[in-house]
Structures are given as structure tokens and as C-alpha cells.
Amino acid sequence: MDCTEQRNRLPRTPGVYLMRDTAGTIIYIGKANNLKARVASYFRTDPSFKTVGIIAALRHIDYVLCASEREALIVERQLINRYQPFYNAMWKDDKSYPYLKITVREDFPRIMLTRRKIDDGNQYFGPFPEVQKMKQLLYWMQKIFKWRPCKLSFDATHLPPLRTVKSCLYFHTNRCPGPCRGAVTAEEYKKSLRFIQLFLKRDYLKLESLWHKEMQEASRGLDFEKAAELRDRISAVRHMDQPVTMREVKNEDLVDSLDMSRCLEQMREELSLPRLPVVIEGFDISLLAGTAAVGSMVLFHNGKQSPDRYRRYKIKTVSGTDDYAMLAEVVTRRYRRLMREKLPLPDLILIDGGKGQLAAAVAALNQLQLSLPVISLAKQQEEIFIPGRAAALLLPRRSPVLRLLQSVRDESHRFALAYHRTLRKRAMHHVN
């Protein structure tokens, strides 16, 4: 589900919205008489200077439904006092935080950090929370977009003497297009500037579309070096375009719900997942005394059990006690069906077991040509095994991430065992 569709699913009722960054930290809390309309206002094509910084960092939105705007005001104040979000505090205290400034009035504009936003005809983005992170972003952007980082003062009709710029390292390392040397016109330079503006506005789809057209033109013109560079740019920007996820938080269990939201964000970080693990599916095999082998699949949504979506399996293709092969059968059956019926795939798969069980599940997914995040959790030391990592991941026993993974693992074991006992009782009943 894309971001627009998610926003369309928001209710048109009073409530409070909590905006989080990639790490799950709450960066802004606001109230609304109409949640859908208020949240949508942040994604306009011409956002205000205040909202640009929020949208640049935003990755997840929680919302609390309220009976009235007055109740929303009360809940908003309680939550702001509790969590002290960065942007709420910043706008309240009117502190000085950095902006990105584009000197659009120059023939060859520059981009720089500044703590003052003034009405000088230039373009500003921000403010942004952390100077160091903005410096790192600027360094990365400069390598991708290539603008002049120098402080030389010149225009298109009066370039600086060649002797003063011929040894410029930025030009010779391909990090500046060289307007000071006449290597690029003001028109060409400002065309590249448009890409930077689209990036800072987070209009990644349009940026990718423009670069894709340029890449095709470069390929047709046999300029394969430029085409390869544009391909790499597109790849880099696609990694930036992570969807914004949204979910409702019930007012009566607000703290628990917010804690779970933070837990899922922490899990994504700890396990290096590509997206928030909203849907986790857990698998286990039950084989008692070598009889009635069964498999189970349990599903957790937003950290909570969804029993109506559990599935159980009789092992059909494996005889004996080869639980690796049994696990591969169950995983194959589960995801072959989801693919056939074009149903959503999980954000994370959890296998009850160690390296052997994990390898069996990975092999089954590879056979299906599926690339899904999958891990295993071994009971004895609570070791987490991740494909591609030699050493197991050990989380603190009190870690909320570990506790959630244990809940999924234990529930898959319980469900498999319950089905196994049911089949054994039926078998005994038929014998008697």
C-alpha cells in the first residue's frame, strides 16, 4: 500500500497524530478535528518551511481517535508533556536550528547551512534537528548532484581568471561541473539544481522519472558512462523513498500501543529489516514419538496475535523424523499459495530453531524465488540467527524486541503442539 492510499484510509474524525522518524522517535505531535485532512496537508506540493523538516524525517504515523476536538487537545498536551517531541519543543522555544539555503539568485547557485531564514529571495529548506547529520547529507548530495561548493563570487558573464581555478580539486574529482571554467552554462547548471529541489521536497517519483528519461537519452547517444551514473542515482534515490506507515492507537491502551510501535521500529533496526515488521509470521514443526508430524504458522499484526489468520499443516511429502525437510515443505506450501492467490507477503518470517532450520526455510524461499526477511530463534540461549551472519545475535533478556520474538516463537510452538494432540486424540478414538 503506497503512502497516498494509506492517507486515504485515515478517518475524518477528531484525533491526535504522532509522527516518528526512521528510528521510531516521536518528532512531532499534533491534534486535528479531521485527521485525514490534517495529515494530508503535510504532503502538499508546496509545504510550509516548518513542515519540510518533518516530512524529510517522517517514516511512521500513529494516531489516536478522540470523541471531540477538545478531547484531542487534552490528549495532545498529555502526550507532548510525556514525550517532548523535537519539533514541538523547537517551535515552542523558538530556538535556532539549521536550514539548507539555496542561493537561487545567483547564476550558479550554491547550497549551504545557515541558522537564519531571512526574506532575501533565496530558497530555504528546514529547519533540521541535527547539524552533523545535515552535514553528512550535504556531503552525500554533493557527490550525487554536483554543485559548486566554493565561495567564489562570479556570474555567467564574468568568470574568474583560469589561473585561479584550474587546480580546483572539486572539478578534477568530478564533484563540481566547473561553472567557473565555463564547462557548464547557467541554464545547464540550473537544470541540475531542479533535481536538488525535487530531492529536498521528497518528490522522488518525479526525480526518478526525469533521470530515467535522461538515462535513456544517454544510452541512445552511446554515452554509457553518463547512463551508468544516472542508473546509480536512481538506485540511491529509491533507497530514500521508504513508505510512511500509519496505524490507529486505541486511547484506552495508549502507552502499550506506543511502546509496541517503538518496539517494531527497534526490531527493524536491530535486524536490519527493509521495512517495519508490521506482519510477522512464525513457523514450527511438532513431531512427538515420530507420529503425526504437523506444522504451524501463526501471524502477529502490529505485535499482536491474529488467531483467525493462523494456519496448520499435515506433513504430506516427508516421512521419518526429518524436521528440516518438514519445515521446508510447510514454508513452501504457505508462500506458494500466497503467490498464487496474489496475497500480501509478511514483513518478517520467524522460524523456531537454529541454523539448520533457518537454512531449510531459506532454501525453500529460494526455490520459490522469493526474497523475504527470515530469521530463526533458538530456545536454549535465545540466539537469533540471520542469513549471511556467521555469529548469532544475542539481545538483552529484557529487550522488548526479544520478548516479541519469543512470543511469536512460543505461540507457533503452542499452536503446532495443540494440533498434534488433536490428531493423536482422533487417531486413538478411531482405534477404540
Protein backbone atom coordinates (compact mmCIF):
# COMPACT_ATOMS: atom_id res chain seq x y z
CA MET A 1 0.00 0.00 0.00
CA ASP A 2 1.53 3.34 -1.01
CA CYS A 3 1.61 6.46 1.11
CA THR A 4 -1.34 8.13 -0.69
CA GLU A 5 -3.54 5.10 -0.19
CA GLN A 6 -2.57 4.95 3.49
CA ARG A 7 -3.54 8.60 3.96
CA ASN A 8 -6.86 7.97 2.22
CA ARG A 9 -7.66 5.30 4.81
CA LEU A 10 -7.37 7.74 7.71
CA PRO A 11 -10.69 8.64 9.37
CA ARG A 12 -12.25 12.09 9.07
CA THR A 13 -12.67 12.33 12.85
CA PRO A 14 -11.03 14.28 15.68
CA GLY A 15 -7.81 12.86 16.98
CA VAL A 16 -4.10 13.22 17.70
CA TYR A 17 -1.31 12.17 15.32
CA LEU A 18 2.22 11.22 16.36
CA MET A 19 4.94 11.48 13.72
CA ARG A 20 8.04 9.27 14.02
CA ASP A 21 11.38 9.14 12.25
CA THR A 22 13.20 6.03 10.98
CA ALA A 23 14.44 5.16 14.47
CA GLY A 24 10.90 5.27 15.86
CA THR A 25 11.48 8.51 17.79
CA ILE A 26 8.43 10.76 18.05
CA ILE A 27 9.40 14.03 16.32
CA TYR A 28 6.06 15.85 16.34
CA ILE A 29 2.62 15.53 17.96
CA GLY A 30 -0.41 17.43 16.70
CA LYS A 31 -4.19 17.45 17.07
CA ALA A 32 -6.85 17.66 14.39
CA ASN A 33 -10.59 17.97 14.05
CA ASN A 34 -10.25 15.95 10.83
CA LEU A 35 -7.27 13.56 10.95
CA LYS A 36 -7.36 12.71 7.26
CA ALA A 37 -7.34 16.32 6.10
CA ARG A 38 -4.73 17.45 8.62
CA VAL A 39 -2.23 14.70 7.83
CA ALA A 40 -2.78 15.18 4.09
CA SER A 41 -1.85 18.87 4.45
CA TYR A 42 1.75 17.87 5.26
CA PHE A 43 2.12 16.26 1.83
CA ARG A 44 1.18 19.23 -0.34
CA THR A 45 3.40 20.07 -3.29
CA ASP A 46 4.24 23.41 -1.64
CA PRO A 47 4.71 22.58 2.07
CA SER A 48 5.45 25.39 4.51
CA PHE A 49 9.01 25.87 5.71
CA LYS A 50 8.01 24.38 9.06
CA THR A 51 6.70 21.12 7.66
CA VAL A 52 9.56 20.42 5.23
CA GLY A 53 11.87 19.30 8.04
CA ILE A 54 9.22 16.98 9.48
CA ILE A 55 8.38 15.38 6.14
CA ALA A 56 12.06 14.81 5.36
CA ALA A 57 12.44 12.73 8.53
CA LEU A 58 8.96 11.17 8.67
CA ARG A 59 8.60 7.39 8.33
CA HIS A 60 5.65 6.40 10.54
CA ILE A 61 2.46 7.97 11.85
CA ASP A 62 0.43 6.75 14.85
CA TYR A 63 -2.96 8.27 15.52
CA VAL A 64 -5.35 8.35 18.47
CA LEU A 65 -9.07 8.72 17.83
CA CYS A 66 -10.87 11.16 20.14
CA ALA A 67 -14.52 11.94 20.78
CA SER A 68 -14.11 15.68 20.15
CA GLU A 69 -11.58 18.35 19.31
CA ARG A 70 -11.49 19.30 23.00
CA GLU A 71 -10.55 15.75 23.98
CA ALA A 72 -7.90 15.79 21.24
CA LEU A 73 -6.43 18.95 22.76
CA ILE A 74 -6.19 17.28 26.18
CA VAL A 75 -4.60 14.11 24.79
CA GLU A 76 -2.19 16.17 22.69
CA ARG A 77 -0.99 18.11 25.75
CA GLN A 78 -0.56 14.91 27.77
CA LEU A 79 1.50 13.28 25.03
CA ILE A 80 3.66 16.35 24.38
CA ASN A 81 4.44 16.60 28.09
CA ARG A 82 5.27 12.91 28.21
CA TYR A 83 7.44 12.59 25.09
CA GLN A 84 8.76 16.14 24.48
CA PRO A 85 8.99 15.78 20.66
CA PHE A 86 11.77 17.67 18.95
CA TYR A 87 9.68 19.89 16.66
CA ASN A 88 7.08 20.72 19.31
CA ALA A 89 9.86 21.89 21.62
CA MET A 90 11.69 23.73 18.84
CA TRP A 91 8.71 25.78 17.68
CA LYS A 92 7.65 26.49 21.26
CA ASP A 93 11.08 27.71 22.34
CA ASP A 94 11.86 29.39 19.00
CA LYS A 95 15.43 28.08 19.09
CA SER A 96 17.82 28.48 16.19
CA TYR A 97 18.19 25.28 14.14
CA PRO A 98 19.90 24.87 10.78
CA TYR A 99 18.29 25.36 7.40
CA LEU A 100 19.56 24.44 3.95
CA LYS A 101 19.84 27.55 1.82
CA ILE A 102 19.96 27.52 -2.00
CA THR A 103 21.26 30.80 -3.41
CA VAL A 104 18.83 30.78 -6.34
CA ARG A 105 19.51 34.44 -7.14
CA GLU A 106 22.99 33.55 -8.36
CA ASP A 107 23.69 32.35 -11.94
CA PHE A 108 25.39 29.31 -10.41
CA PRO A 109 23.63 28.74 -7.06
CA ARG A 110 25.29 27.15 -4.04
CA ILE A 111 23.84 25.15 -1.17
CA MET A 112 24.86 25.88 2.39
CA LEU A 113 23.82 25.50 6.01
CA THR A 114 22.51 28.57 7.81
CA ARG A 115 20.76 29.27 11.11
CA ARG A 116 18.94 32.34 9.83
CA LYS A 117 15.98 32.29 7.48
CA ILE A 118 15.53 35.74 6.01
CA ASP A 119 13.45 37.19 3.20
CA ASP A 120 16.29 37.57 0.68
CA GLY A 121 14.75 35.86 -2.37
CA ASN A 122 16.73 32.66 -1.85
CA GLN A 123 15.21 29.23 -1.15
CA TYR A 124 15.25 27.62 2.31
CA PHE A 125 14.54 24.07 3.48
CA GLY A 126 14.18 23.03 7.11
CA PRO A 127 14.79 23.60 9.92
CA PHE A 128 16.54 20.29 10.62
CA PRO A 129 17.25 18.73 14.02
CA GLU A 130 20.94 17.83 13.91
CA VAL A 131 23.79 19.76 12.30
CA GLN A 132 26.10 16.76 11.97
CA LYS A 133 23.52 14.66 10.14
CA MET A 134 22.79 17.55 7.79
CA LYS A 135 26.50 17.90 7.04
CA GLN A 136 26.63 14.20 6.20
CA LEU A 137 23.57 14.57 3.97
CA LEU A 138 25.12 17.56 2.23
CA TYR A 139 28.31 15.58 1.58
CA TRP A 140 26.31 12.73 0.04
CA MET A 141 24.13 15.10 -2.01
CA GLN A 142 27.17 16.94 -3.31
CA LYS A 143 28.60 13.70 -4.71
CA ILE A 144 25.28 12.81 -6.37
CA PHE A 145 24.05 16.18 -7.62
CA LYS A 146 27.35 18.03 -8.14
CA TRP A 147 27.06 21.74 -7.44
CA ARG A 148 29.81 24.23 -6.74
CA PRO A 149 30.74 24.22 -3.03
CA CYS A 150 33.23 27.09 -3.28
CA LYS A 151 32.71 30.67 -2.08
CA LEU A 152 33.92 32.35 -5.28
CA SER A 153 31.82 35.30 -6.38
CA PHE A 154 31.17 35.33 -10.14
CA ASP A 155 28.34 35.24 -12.69
CA ALA A 156 27.80 33.88 -16.19
CA THR A 157 29.27 36.97 -17.88
CA HIS A 158 32.29 37.44 -15.60
CA LEU A 159 34.07 34.15 -14.89
CA PRO A 160 37.16 34.16 -12.62
CA PRO A 161 40.64 34.02 -14.23
CA LEU A 162 41.56 30.47 -15.27
CA ARG A 163 44.79 30.55 -13.25
CA THR A 164 42.81 30.83 -10.01
CA VAL A 165 40.53 27.86 -10.68
CA LYS A 166 42.49 25.45 -12.91
CA SER A 167 43.69 23.35 -9.96
CA CYS A 168 40.26 23.08 -8.25
CA LEU A 169 40.01 19.62 -6.63
CA TYR A 170 36.20 19.59 -6.76
CA PHE A 171 36.30 19.85 -10.55
CA HIS A 172 39.10 17.32 -11.02
CA THR A 173 37.39 14.77 -8.74
CA ASN A 174 34.09 15.16 -10.65
CA ARG A 175 32.22 16.67 -7.71
CA CYS A 176 31.62 20.02 -9.41
CA PRO A 177 30.54 20.64 -13.04
CA GLY A 178 33.05 23.51 -13.31
CA PRO A 179 30.97 26.65 -13.99
CA CYS A 180 33.99 28.78 -13.07
CA ARG A 181 35.86 27.29 -16.06
CA GLY A 182 32.97 27.72 -18.49
CA ALA A 183 32.45 23.93 -18.54
CA VAL A 184 28.70 24.31 -17.99
CA THR A 185 26.22 27.06 -18.84
CA ALA A 186 23.98 28.74 -16.29
CA GLU A 187 20.97 27.08 -17.92
CA GLU A 188 22.51 23.60 -17.71
CA TYR A 189 23.62 24.22 -14.13
CA LYS A 190 20.13 25.31 -13.05
CA LYS A 191 18.65 22.22 -14.69
CA SER A 192 20.68 20.16 -12.22
CA LEU A 193 19.51 22.48 -9.45
CA ARG A 194 15.93 21.44 -10.18
CA PHE A 195 16.88 17.86 -9.32
CA ILE A 196 18.19 19.01 -5.94
CA GLN A 197 14.97 20.91 -5.23
CA LEU A 198 12.87 17.84 -6.08
CA PHE A 199 15.05 15.76 -3.77
CA LEU A 200 14.69 18.14 -0.84
CA LYS A 201 10.93 18.24 -1.39
CA ARG A 202 11.00 14.42 -1.36
CA ASP A 203 9.37 14.25 -4.80
CA TYR A 204 11.35 11.10 -5.54
CA LEU A 205 8.97 9.71 -8.18
CA LYS A 206 9.29 12.79 -10.37
CA LEU A 207 13.04 12.90 -9.84
CA GLU A 208 13.37 9.25 -10.83
CA SER A 209 11.21 9.82 -13.91
CA LEU A 210 13.38 12.72 -15.11
CA TRP A 211 16.58 10.78 -14.52
CA HIS A 212 15.16 7.74 -16.29
CA LYS A 213 14.47 9.83 -19.41
CA GLU A 214 18.00 11.25 -19.29
CA MET A 215 19.42 7.75 -18.88
CA GLN A 216 17.56 6.54 -22.00
CA GLU A 217 18.79 9.56 -23.97
CA ALA A 218 22.36 8.92 -22.83
CA SER A 219 22.12 5.27 -23.85
CA ARG A 220 20.76 6.19 -27.28
CA GLY A 221 23.64 8.63 -27.64
CA LEU A 222 26.10 5.88 -26.65
CA ASP A 223 27.15 7.90 -23.59
CA PHE A 224 27.28 4.80 -21.40
CA GLU A 225 29.28 6.45 -18.62
CA LYS A 226 26.56 9.06 -18.09
CA ALA A 227 23.85 6.38 -18.34
CA ALA A 228 25.59 4.32 -15.65
CA GLU A 229 25.88 7.36 -13.37
CA LEU A 230 22.15 8.11 -13.78
CA ARG A 231 21.33 4.46 -13.07
CA ASP A 232 23.28 4.69 -9.80
CA ARG A 233 21.47 7.93 -8.90
CA ILE A 234 18.09 6.27 -9.44
CA SER A 235 19.14 3.36 -7.25
CA ALA A 236 20.28 5.70 -4.46
CA VAL A 237 17.05 7.71 -4.51
CA ARG A 238 14.90 4.57 -4.45
CA HIS A 239 16.50 3.70 -1.12
CA MET A 240 15.40 7.11 0.20
CA ASP A 241 11.78 6.59 -0.78
CA GLN A 242 10.66 4.49 2.16
CA PRO A 243 6.89 4.45 2.62
CA VAL A 244 5.24 6.20 5.55
CA THR A 245 3.24 3.70 7.61
CA MET A 246 0.19 4.61 9.66
CA ARG A 247 -1.81 2.85 12.33
CA GLU A 248 -4.53 3.60 14.87
CA VAL A 249 -3.72 3.73 18.57
CA LYS A 250 -6.58 2.98 20.96
CA ASN A 251 -6.91 5.69 23.59
CA GLU A 252 -7.57 3.23 26.43
CA ASP A 253 -4.25 1.41 25.98
CA LEU A 254 -2.28 4.31 24.58
CA VAL A 255 1.02 3.69 26.37
CA ASP A 256 1.12 -0.02 25.47
CA SER A 257 0.35 0.75 21.83
CA LEU A 258 3.04 3.40 21.58
CA ASP A 259 5.55 1.09 23.27
CA MET A 260 4.76 -1.59 20.68
CA SER A 261 5.23 0.89 17.86
CA ARG A 262 8.68 1.75 19.24
CA CYS A 263 9.43 -1.96 19.62
CA LEU A 264 8.69 -2.60 15.93
CA GLU A 265 10.90 0.30 14.92
CA GLN A 266 13.68 -1.04 17.15
CA MET A 267 13.24 -4.52 15.66
CA ARG A 268 13.65 -3.12 12.16
CA GLU A 269 16.91 -1.52 13.26
CA GLU A 270 18.27 -4.50 15.25
CA LEU A 271 17.55 -7.00 12.47
CA SER A 272 18.38 -4.61 9.57
CA LEU A 273 14.94 -5.14 8.04
CA PRO A 274 13.95 -3.28 4.86
CA ARG A 275 10.62 -2.17 6.35
CA LEU A 276 8.67 -2.06 9.59
CA PRO A 277 7.75 -5.65 10.68
CA VAL A 278 4.02 -4.96 10.89
CA VAL A 279 3.22 -8.56 9.88
CA ILE A 280 5.35 -11.35 11.39
CA GLU A 281 4.69 -14.98 10.54
CA GLY A 282 6.13 -17.72 12.80
CA PHE A 283 6.65 -21.41 11.92
CA ASP A 284 7.21 -24.57 13.96
CA ILE A 285 7.14 -28.35 13.45
CA SER A 286 5.70 -30.76 16.02
CA LEU A 287 6.81 -34.40 15.92
CA LEU A 288 6.12 -36.50 19.02
CA ALA A 289 7.39 -40.08 19.11
CA GLY A 290 7.75 -39.97 15.33
CA THR A 291 4.00 -39.84 14.69
CA ALA A 292 1.51 -37.39 13.16
CA ALA A 293 4.04 -34.78 12.10
CA VAL A 294 2.42 -31.34 11.75
CA GLY A 295 3.46 -27.79 11.06
CA SER A 296 2.07 -24.47 12.24
CA MET A 297 2.06 -20.87 11.05
CA VAL A 298 0.99 -18.06 13.38
CA LEU A 299 0.60 -14.43 12.41
CA PHE A 300 1.20 -11.34 14.54
CA HIS A 301 -0.06 -7.98 13.30
CA ASN A 302 1.39 -4.85 14.95
CA GLY A 303 2.84 -7.11 17.64
CA LYS A 304 -0.49 -8.75 18.49
CA GLN A 305 -1.80 -12.25 17.75
CA SER A 306 -4.21 -12.67 14.83
CA PRO A 307 -5.62 -16.19 15.54
CA ASP A 308 -8.09 -16.04 12.65
CA ARG A 309 -5.09 -15.94 10.29
CA TYR A 310 -3.23 -18.91 11.81
CA ARG A 311 -2.68 -21.96 9.58
CA ARG A 312 -1.88 -25.60 10.40
CA TYR A 313 -0.43 -28.26 8.14
CA LYS A 314 -0.30 -32.04 7.98
CA ILE A 315 3.08 -33.10 6.61
CA LYS A 316 2.48 -34.76 3.24
CA THR A 317 5.80 -35.27 1.47
CA VAL A 318 8.23 -36.23 4.26
CA SER A 319 8.42 -39.48 6.18
CA GLY A 320 10.53 -40.29 9.20
CA THR A 321 11.90 -37.59 11.50
CA ASP A 322 13.49 -35.09 9.09
CA ASP A 323 12.12 -31.87 10.63
CA TYR A 324 14.29 -29.74 8.28
CA ALA A 325 12.52 -31.19 5.25
CA MET A 326 9.16 -30.85 7.02
CA LEU A 327 9.81 -27.21 7.71
CA ALA A 328 10.78 -26.64 4.07
CA GLU A 329 7.51 -28.29 2.99
CA VAL A 330 5.38 -26.06 5.23
CA VAL A 331 7.17 -22.85 4.21
CA THR A 332 6.86 -23.81 0.55
CA ARG A 333 3.15 -24.53 0.84
CA ARG A 334 2.46 -21.30 2.70
CA TYR A 335 4.16 -18.91 0.29
CA ARG A 336 3.35 -20.78 -2.89
CA ARG A 337 -0.29 -20.25 -2.01
CA LEU A 338 0.17 -16.57 -1.18
CA MET A 339 1.94 -16.06 -4.50
CA ARG A 340 -0.71 -18.00 -6.43
CA GLU A 341 -3.55 -16.02 -4.84
CA LYS A 342 -1.59 -12.73 -5.01
CA LEU A 343 -1.99 -12.14 -1.28
CA PRO A 344 0.29 -9.85 0.78
CA LEU A 345 3.57 -11.32 1.97
CA PRO A 346 4.83 -10.88 5.56
CA ASP A 347 7.40 -8.31 6.64
CA LEU A 348 9.33 -10.92 8.66
CA ILE A 349 9.39 -14.72 8.93
CA LEU A 350 10.43 -16.28 12.25
CA ILE A 351 11.49 -19.94 12.41
CA ASP A 352 11.57 -21.86 15.69
CA GLY A 353 15.05 -23.38 15.76
CA GLY A 354 18.70 -22.82 14.94
CA LYS A 355 20.93 -22.61 11.89
CA GLY A 356 19.65 -25.86 10.36
CA GLN A 357 16.01 -24.84 10.49
CA LEU A 358 16.88 -21.39 9.14
CA ALA A 359 18.83 -22.90 6.23
CA ALA A 360 15.86 -25.14 5.36
CA ALA A 361 13.48 -22.17 5.29
CA VAL A 362 15.88 -20.05 3.22
CA ALA A 363 16.29 -22.90 0.72
CA ALA A 364 12.51 -23.22 0.40
CA LEU A 365 12.13 -19.48 -0.26
CA ASN A 366 14.95 -19.59 -2.82
CA GLN A 367 13.14 -22.39 -4.66
CA LEU A 368 10.13 -20.08 -4.87
CA GLN A 369 12.42 -17.21 -5.98
CA LEU A 370 11.21 -15.17 -3.01
CA SER A 371 13.38 -12.72 -1.12
CA LEU A 372 11.77 -12.23 2.28
CA PRO A 373 13.39 -11.33 5.62
CA VAL A 374 13.70 -14.56 7.62
CA ILE A 375 15.37 -15.35 10.95
CA SER A 376 15.36 -18.19 13.47
CA LEU A 377 15.25 -18.13 17.26
CA ALA A 378 16.84 -21.00 19.20
CA LYS A 379 15.36 -21.77 22.63
CA GLN A 380 18.34 -22.64 24.81
CA GLN A 381 20.36 -19.40 24.60
CA GLU A 382 17.69 -17.36 22.76
CA GLU A 383 20.12 -16.94 19.88
CA ILE A 384 18.85 -15.13 16.79
CA PHE A 385 20.27 -16.46 13.53
CA ILE A 386 20.19 -14.25 10.45
CA PRO A 387 21.13 -15.32 6.90
CA GLY A 388 24.56 -14.05 5.93
CA ARG A 389 25.73 -13.54 9.52
CA ALA A 390 28.20 -16.05 10.93
CA ALA A 391 27.60 -15.19 14.59
CA ALA A 392 24.23 -15.32 16.33
CA LEU A 393 22.65 -12.10 17.54
CA LEU A 394 22.12 -12.02 21.32
CA LEU A 395 19.75 -9.38 22.61
CA PRO A 396 19.39 -8.46 26.29
CA ARG A 397 16.84 -10.65 28.08
CA ARG A 398 14.77 -7.58 28.88
CA SER A 399 14.81 -6.34 25.28
CA PRO A 400 11.23 -5.70 24.03
CA VAL A 401 12.36 -6.94 20.60
CA LEU A 402 13.46 -10.29 22.03
CA ARG A 403 10.27 -10.59 24.08
CA LEU A 404 8.12 -10.07 20.98
CA LEU A 405 10.13 -12.63 19.00
CA GLN A 406 9.79 -15.08 21.91
CA SER A 407 6.02 -14.52 21.91
CA VAL A 408 5.81 -15.37 18.20
CA ARG A 409 8.08 -18.41 18.60
CA ASP A 410 6.24 -19.73 21.67
CA GLU A 411 2.84 -19.21 20.05
CA SER A 412 3.86 -21.13 16.92
CA HIS A 413 5.12 -23.96 19.17
CA ARG A 414 1.90 -23.99 21.22
CA PHE A 415 -0.29 -23.98 18.11
CA ALA A 416 1.67 -26.83 16.47
CA LEU A 417 1.57 -28.87 19.68
CA ALA A 418 -2.19 -28.32 20.08
CA TYR A 419 -2.84 -29.55 16.54
CA HIS A 420 -0.58 -32.54 17.08
CA ARG A 421 -2.51 -33.53 20.22
CA THR A 422 -5.81 -33.12 18.37
CA LEU A 423 -4.68 -35.53 15.65
CA ARG A 424 -3.43 -38.06 18.21
CA LYS A 425 -6.77 -37.95 20.07
CA ARG A 426 -8.63 -38.55 16.81
CA ALA A 427 -6.36 -41.46 16.00
CA MET A 428 -6.92 -43.02 19.46
CA HIS A 429 -10.68 -42.52 19.11
CA HIS A 430 -10.72 -44.40 15.79
CA VAL A 431 -8.68 -47.26 17.32
CA ASN A 432 -11.08 -47.58 20.23
